[in-house]
Protein backbone atom coordinates (compact mmCIF):
# COMPACT_ATOMS: atom_id res chain seq x y z
CA MET A 1 0.00 0.00 0.00
CA ARG A 2 1.30 3.42 -0.98
CA SER A 3 2.02 6.08 1.63
CA MET A 4 -0.09 9.26 1.72
CA ASP A 5 2.95 11.40 2.58
CA HIS A 6 3.21 12.72 -0.99
CA LEU A 7 -0.26 14.31 -0.66
CA ARG A 8 0.27 15.89 2.73
CA GLY A 9 2.08 18.99 1.39
CA ARG A 10 -0.65 19.73 -1.15
CA ALA A 11 -3.40 19.58 1.47
CA ILE A 12 -1.53 22.00 3.70
CA ALA A 13 -0.85 24.44 0.86
CA ALA A 14 -4.45 24.30 -0.35
CA SER A 15 -5.79 25.07 3.12
CA GLU A 16 -3.59 28.12 3.71
CA PRO A 17 -5.39 31.46 3.47
CA ARG A 18 -4.42 33.47 0.41
CA GLY A 19 -5.28 36.85 1.88
CA SER A 20 -8.18 39.15 1.30
CA PHE A 21 -9.19 40.35 -2.13
CA GLY A 22 -9.01 43.95 -0.91
CA ARG A 23 -5.35 43.63 0.08
CA TRP A 24 -4.52 41.75 -3.12
CA LEU A 25 -6.14 44.48 -5.21
CA LEU A 26 -4.25 47.26 -3.42
CA ALA A 27 -1.00 45.43 -4.20
CA GLN A 28 -1.81 45.77 -7.92
CA ALA A 29 -1.40 49.58 -7.91
CA GLY A 30 1.83 49.40 -9.90
CA ARG A 31 0.19 47.75 -12.90
CA ASP A 32 -0.26 49.65 -16.15
CA ASP A 33 -3.77 48.45 -16.96
CA TRP A 34 -7.37 48.83 -15.80
CA ILE A 35 -6.73 46.75 -12.70
CA GLY A 36 -3.88 49.08 -11.78
CA ASP A 37 -6.19 52.08 -12.29
CA LEU A 38 -8.78 50.46 -10.03
CA ALA A 39 -6.12 49.69 -7.40
CA ARG A 40 -4.88 53.29 -7.39
CA ALA A 41 -8.44 54.58 -7.04
CA ALA A 42 -9.00 52.14 -4.17
CA LYS A 43 -5.87 53.40 -2.39
CA ASN A 44 -7.32 56.92 -2.50
CA ASP A 45 -10.77 55.81 -1.30
CA PRO A 46 -11.09 56.05 2.51
CA GLY A 47 -14.14 53.77 2.37
CA PHE A 48 -12.43 50.99 0.43
CA PRO A 49 -12.65 47.65 2.29
CA ARG A 50 -8.92 46.94 2.55
CA ARG A 51 -9.48 43.67 4.38
CA GLY A 52 -12.64 42.87 2.45
CA GLU A 53 -13.45 39.82 0.42
CA SER A 54 -14.51 40.06 -3.21
CA GLU A 55 -18.18 40.66 -2.37
CA ASP A 56 -17.22 43.65 -0.19
CA VAL A 57 -14.97 45.16 -2.86
CA LEU A 58 -17.51 44.67 -5.66
CA ARG A 59 -20.23 46.22 -3.47
CA ARG A 60 -17.96 49.24 -2.90
CA VAL A 61 -17.24 49.61 -6.62
CA ARG A 62 -20.99 49.52 -7.36
CA SER A 63 -21.76 52.01 -4.59
CA THR A 64 -19.33 54.57 -5.98
CA ALA A 65 -21.18 54.58 -9.31
CA ALA A 66 -18.05 53.43 -11.11
CA ASP A 67 -18.17 53.53 -14.88
CA GLY A 68 -18.32 50.36 -16.95
CA ASP A 69 -14.54 50.17 -17.36
CA MET A 70 -13.97 50.15 -13.59
CA TRP A 71 -16.68 47.52 -13.11
CA GLN A 72 -15.02 45.33 -15.77
CA ALA A 73 -11.64 45.88 -14.10
CA ALA A 74 -13.10 44.83 -10.75
CA ARG A 75 -14.52 41.63 -12.24
CA ALA A 76 -11.25 40.86 -14.07
CA ALA A 77 -9.30 41.46 -10.85
CA GLU A 78 -11.62 39.14 -8.96
CA ARG A 79 -11.04 36.41 -11.56
CA GLU A 80 -7.25 36.80 -11.30
CA TRP A 81 -7.40 36.69 -7.50
CA ARG A 82 -9.60 33.58 -7.51
CA GLU A 83 -7.20 31.88 -9.92
CA GLY A 84 -4.32 32.63 -7.56
CA CYS A 85 -2.48 35.19 -9.65
CA GLN A 86 0.69 36.32 -7.91
CA CYS A 87 0.73 39.54 -9.93
CA PRO A 88 2.94 42.41 -8.70
């Protein structure tokens, strides 16, 4: 019978928290794209949920009456975050 030791590392890595979406988004401020624009706007927004999950951030983007480009950037950022992007 084969040992389960080879799977143990994967289970630990998969269970580790990846951090909040809000913090991840703020870390994207150096990007030269729509997500970077959104991140810079978030840094200047005192009401931005810095420790918030994706639902909190998307709710904030909607509440600020963001234009369509910012909404698309928020959704694209959420997809990258969910996929585990280690972007700058």
